[in-house]
Amino acid sequence: MVASMQQQMQQMQELQQTIAAQQLAAQREPTVPIGERNLPRNIPTTRSAIAPPPCQRADHEIKPGMINFVQRKVFRLQIRNSQA
């Protein structure tokens, strides 16, 4: 019983130290206004919403037909009439 109490006290102290370290790190970081990170000057030039980076995985394939379905908005919600 005493050993478990000591273990819990040690865990509590470690948690308090971790929280204190995180709070100190948060205070050191400069505050950024909302939306500042989304400005064009803050987006890396290697990244674009129009041309995403190539996928590193080789175990799948995106077929042109599926891209066409999405571009033409073929997928529509069909609601069935339950009264029929």
N, C-alpha and C. Protein backbone atom coordinates (compact mmCIF):
# COMPACT_ATOMS: atom_id res chain seq x y z
N MET A 1 0.83 -1.19 0.00
CA MET A 1 0.00 0.00 0.00
C MET A 1 0.87 1.25 0.00
N VAL A 2 1.90 1.25 0.83
CA VAL A 2 2.80 2.40 0.92
C VAL A 2 3.56 2.56 -0.39
N ALA A 3 3.95 1.46 -1.00
CA ALA A 3 4.69 1.51 -2.26
C ALA A 3 3.83 2.10 -3.37
N SER A 4 2.55 1.72 -3.40
CA SER A 4 1.68 2.26 -4.44
C SER A 4 1.43 3.74 -4.23
N MET A 5 1.34 4.17 -2.95
CA MET A 5 1.18 5.61 -2.66
C MET A 5 2.41 6.39 -3.11
N GLN A 6 3.58 5.83 -2.86
CA GLN A 6 4.81 6.50 -3.28
C GLN A 6 4.89 6.58 -4.79
N GLN A 7 4.48 5.52 -5.46
CA GLN A 7 4.49 5.50 -6.92
C GLN A 7 3.52 6.55 -7.47
N GLN A 8 2.35 6.66 -6.88
CA GLN A 8 1.39 7.66 -7.32
C GLN A 8 1.92 9.07 -7.08
N MET A 9 2.58 9.30 -5.96
CA MET A 9 3.16 10.61 -5.68
C MET A 9 4.24 10.95 -6.70
N GLN A 10 5.06 9.96 -7.04
CA GLN A 10 6.11 10.18 -8.03
C GLN A 10 5.50 10.50 -9.40
N GLN A 11 4.47 9.77 -9.79
CA GLN A 11 3.80 10.04 -11.05
C GLN A 11 3.18 11.43 -11.07
N MET A 12 2.61 11.84 -9.94
CA MET A 12 2.01 13.17 -9.84
C MET A 12 3.08 14.26 -9.98
N GLN A 13 4.23 14.06 -9.36
CA GLN A 13 5.32 15.04 -9.48
C GLN A 13 5.82 15.12 -10.91
N GLU A 14 5.97 13.97 -11.58
CA GLU A 14 6.40 13.96 -12.97
C GLU A 14 5.39 14.67 -13.86
N LEU A 15 4.12 14.46 -13.60
CA LEU A 15 3.08 15.12 -14.37
C LEU A 15 3.12 16.63 -14.17
N GLN A 16 3.31 17.05 -12.93
CA GLN A 16 3.40 18.48 -12.65
C GLN A 16 4.62 19.10 -13.33
N GLN A 17 5.73 18.38 -13.36
CA GLN A 17 6.92 18.89 -14.05
C GLN A 17 6.68 18.99 -15.54
N THR A 18 6.00 18.00 -16.10
CA THR A 18 5.69 18.03 -17.53
C THR A 18 4.79 19.21 -17.87
N ILE A 19 3.78 19.43 -17.06
CA ILE A 19 2.85 20.54 -17.29
C ILE A 19 3.59 21.87 -17.18
N ALA A 20 4.45 22.00 -16.19
CA ALA A 20 5.22 23.23 -16.03
C ALA A 20 6.14 23.47 -17.22
N ALA A 21 6.77 22.42 -17.73
CA ALA A 21 7.64 22.56 -18.90
C ALA A 21 6.84 22.96 -20.13
N GLN A 22 5.65 22.39 -20.30
CA GLN A 22 4.81 22.75 -21.44
C GLN A 22 4.33 24.19 -21.35
N GLN A 23 3.99 24.62 -20.16
CA GLN A 23 3.54 26.01 -19.99
C GLN A 23 4.68 26.97 -20.26
N LEU A 24 5.89 26.63 -19.82
CA LEU A 24 7.05 27.48 -20.07
C LEU A 24 7.35 27.55 -21.57
N ALA A 25 7.24 26.42 -22.26
CA ALA A 25 7.48 26.40 -23.71
C ALA A 25 6.42 27.22 -24.44
N ALA A 26 5.17 27.17 -23.97
CA ALA A 26 4.10 27.94 -24.60
C ALA A 26 4.32 29.44 -24.41
N GLN A 27 4.87 29.82 -23.28
CA GLN A 27 5.13 31.24 -23.04
C GLN A 27 6.27 31.76 -23.91
N ARG A 28 7.20 30.90 -24.23
CA ARG A 28 8.35 31.30 -25.05
C ARG A 28 7.97 31.50 -26.51
N GLU A 29 6.98 30.74 -26.99
CA GLU A 29 6.56 30.85 -28.39
C GLU A 29 5.85 32.18 -28.61
N PRO A 30 6.17 32.86 -29.70
CA PRO A 30 5.46 34.12 -29.97
C PRO A 30 4.00 33.84 -30.32
N THR A 31 3.13 34.71 -29.86
CA THR A 31 1.72 34.54 -30.18
C THR A 31 1.47 34.97 -31.62
N VAL A 32 0.64 34.23 -32.29
CA VAL A 32 0.33 34.49 -33.69
C VAL A 32 -1.15 34.82 -33.78
N PRO A 33 -1.51 35.96 -34.39
CA PRO A 33 -2.93 36.28 -34.54
C PRO A 33 -3.66 35.23 -35.39
N ILE A 34 -4.95 35.15 -35.18
CA ILE A 34 -5.76 34.19 -35.92
C ILE A 34 -5.66 34.50 -37.41
N GLY A 35 -5.42 33.48 -38.19
CA GLY A 35 -5.33 33.63 -39.64
C GLY A 35 -3.93 33.99 -40.14
N GLU A 36 -3.02 34.29 -39.26
CA GLU A 36 -1.66 34.69 -39.68
C GLU A 36 -0.94 33.54 -40.38
N ARG A 37 -1.17 32.33 -39.92
CA ARG A 37 -0.49 31.19 -40.52
C ARG A 37 -1.01 30.88 -41.91
N ASN A 38 -2.20 31.37 -42.25
CA ASN A 38 -2.79 31.07 -43.56
C ASN A 38 -2.43 32.10 -44.62
N LEU A 39 -1.67 33.11 -44.27
CA LEU A 39 -1.28 34.11 -45.27
C LEU A 39 -0.32 33.50 -46.28
N PRO A 40 -0.38 33.94 -47.52
CA PRO A 40 0.48 33.35 -48.56
C PRO A 40 1.96 33.38 -48.22
N ARG A 41 2.40 34.40 -47.51
CA ARG A 41 3.83 34.48 -47.19
C ARG A 41 4.26 33.41 -46.18
N ASN A 42 3.32 32.80 -45.49
CA ASN A 42 3.65 31.79 -44.50
C ASN A 42 3.46 30.37 -45.02
N ILE A 43 3.01 30.22 -46.25
CA ILE A 43 2.83 28.89 -46.84
C ILE A 43 4.10 28.55 -47.61
N PRO A 44 4.69 27.40 -47.38
CA PRO A 44 5.91 27.04 -48.09
C PRO A 44 5.69 27.01 -49.60
N THR A 45 6.69 27.41 -50.33
CA THR A 45 6.57 27.45 -51.79
C THR A 45 6.50 26.06 -52.40
N THR A 46 6.90 25.04 -51.66
CA THR A 46 6.85 23.69 -52.19
C THR A 46 5.47 23.07 -52.06
N ARG A 47 4.55 23.80 -51.44
CA ARG A 47 3.21 23.26 -51.19
C ARG A 47 2.17 24.10 -51.89
N SER A 48 1.21 23.50 -52.52
CA SER A 48 0.17 24.21 -53.21
C SER A 48 -1.13 23.43 -53.10
N ALA A 49 -2.24 24.15 -52.97
CA ALA A 49 -3.53 23.49 -52.90
C ALA A 49 -3.93 22.92 -54.26
N ILE A 50 -3.40 23.49 -55.32
CA ILE A 50 -3.75 23.03 -56.66
C ILE A 50 -2.92 21.82 -57.07
N ALA A 51 -1.65 21.82 -56.73
CA ALA A 51 -0.77 20.72 -57.07
C ALA A 51 -0.19 20.13 -55.79
N PRO A 52 -0.91 19.20 -55.16
CA PRO A 52 -0.40 18.62 -53.92
C PRO A 52 0.87 17.81 -54.17
N PRO A 53 1.67 17.62 -53.15
CA PRO A 53 2.89 16.84 -53.34
C PRO A 53 2.57 15.41 -53.72
N PRO A 54 3.46 14.75 -54.43
CA PRO A 54 3.18 13.37 -54.84
C PRO A 54 3.11 12.43 -53.64
N CYS A 55 2.28 11.44 -53.78
CA CYS A 55 2.11 10.46 -52.71
C CYS A 55 3.33 9.55 -52.68
N GLN A 56 3.82 9.24 -51.50
CA GLN A 56 5.00 8.40 -51.35
C GLN A 56 4.65 6.91 -51.37
N ARG A 57 3.38 6.60 -51.20
CA ARG A 57 2.99 5.20 -51.17
C ARG A 57 2.86 4.64 -52.57
N ALA A 58 3.14 3.37 -52.73
CA ALA A 58 3.06 2.74 -54.05
C ALA A 58 2.06 1.59 -54.07
N ASP A 59 1.28 1.42 -53.00
CA ASP A 59 0.38 0.28 -52.94
C ASP A 59 -1.06 0.63 -53.30
N HIS A 60 -1.26 1.73 -53.98
CA HIS A 60 -2.61 2.09 -54.41
C HIS A 60 -2.53 2.86 -55.73
N GLU A 61 -3.69 3.06 -56.33
CA GLU A 61 -3.73 3.76 -57.60
C GLU A 61 -4.98 4.65 -57.65
N ILE A 62 -4.80 5.89 -58.08
CA ILE A 62 -5.93 6.79 -58.28
C ILE A 62 -6.23 6.77 -59.78
N LYS A 63 -7.38 6.26 -60.11
CA LYS A 63 -7.72 6.10 -61.53
C LYS A 63 -8.34 7.38 -62.07
N PRO A 64 -8.01 7.73 -63.31
CA PRO A 64 -8.55 8.96 -63.91
C PRO A 64 -10.07 8.97 -63.94
N GLY A 65 -10.70 7.81 -64.08
CA GLY A 65 -12.15 7.75 -64.09
C GLY A 65 -12.75 8.20 -62.77
N MET A 66 -12.12 7.84 -61.67
CA MET A 66 -12.61 8.27 -60.36
C MET A 66 -12.47 9.78 -60.20
N ILE A 67 -11.38 10.32 -60.71
CA ILE A 67 -11.19 11.78 -60.65
C ILE A 67 -12.28 12.47 -61.45
N ASN A 68 -12.61 11.92 -62.61
CA ASN A 68 -13.68 12.49 -63.44
C ASN A 68 -15.02 12.44 -62.72
N PHE A 69 -15.33 11.33 -62.01
CA PHE A 69 -16.57 11.24 -61.25
C PHE A 69 -16.66 12.37 -60.24
N VAL A 70 -15.58 12.60 -59.52
CA VAL A 70 -15.59 13.64 -58.49
C VAL A 70 -15.71 15.02 -59.13
N GLN A 71 -14.98 15.27 -60.21
CA GLN A 71 -15.04 16.57 -60.87
C GLN A 71 -16.43 16.85 -61.44
N ARG A 72 -17.10 15.82 -61.94
CA ARG A 72 -18.44 16.01 -62.52
C ARG A 72 -19.53 15.94 -61.46
N LYS A 73 -19.16 15.69 -60.22
CA LYS A 73 -20.11 15.59 -59.11
C LYS A 73 -21.17 14.53 -59.39
N VAL A 74 -20.71 13.37 -59.80
CA VAL A 74 -21.61 12.27 -60.11
C VAL A 74 -22.23 11.70 -58.84
N PHE A 75 -21.51 11.76 -57.74
CA PHE A 75 -21.99 11.18 -56.49
C PHE A 75 -23.01 12.12 -55.87
N ARG A 76 -24.24 11.70 -55.84
CA ARG A 76 -25.32 12.51 -55.27
C ARG A 76 -26.07 11.67 -54.24
N LEU A 77 -26.60 12.32 -53.26
CA LEU A 77 -27.38 11.64 -52.24
C LEU A 77 -28.76 11.31 -52.81
N GLN A 78 -29.12 10.05 -52.75
CA GLN A 78 -30.43 9.63 -53.22
C GLN A 78 -31.27 9.26 -52.01
N ILE A 79 -32.38 9.95 -51.86
CA ILE A 79 -33.27 9.70 -50.73
C ILE A 79 -34.44 8.85 -51.24
N ARG A 80 -34.63 7.72 -50.60
CA ARG A 80 -35.71 6.82 -51.01
C ARG A 80 -37.00 7.24 -50.30
N ASN A 81 -38.07 7.14 -51.02
CA ASN A 81 -39.36 7.47 -50.45
C ASN A 81 -39.85 6.25 -49.65
N SER A 82 -39.97 6.39 -48.36
CA SER A 82 -40.35 5.26 -47.50
C SER A 82 -41.85 5.01 -47.53
N GLN A 83 -42.65 5.89 -48.16
CA GLN A 83 -44.09 5.71 -48.21
C GLN A 83 -44.54 4.87 -49.40
N ALA A 84 -43.63 4.56 -50.30
CA ALA A 84 -44.02 3.81 -51.51
C ALA A 84 -44.35 2.38 -51.25
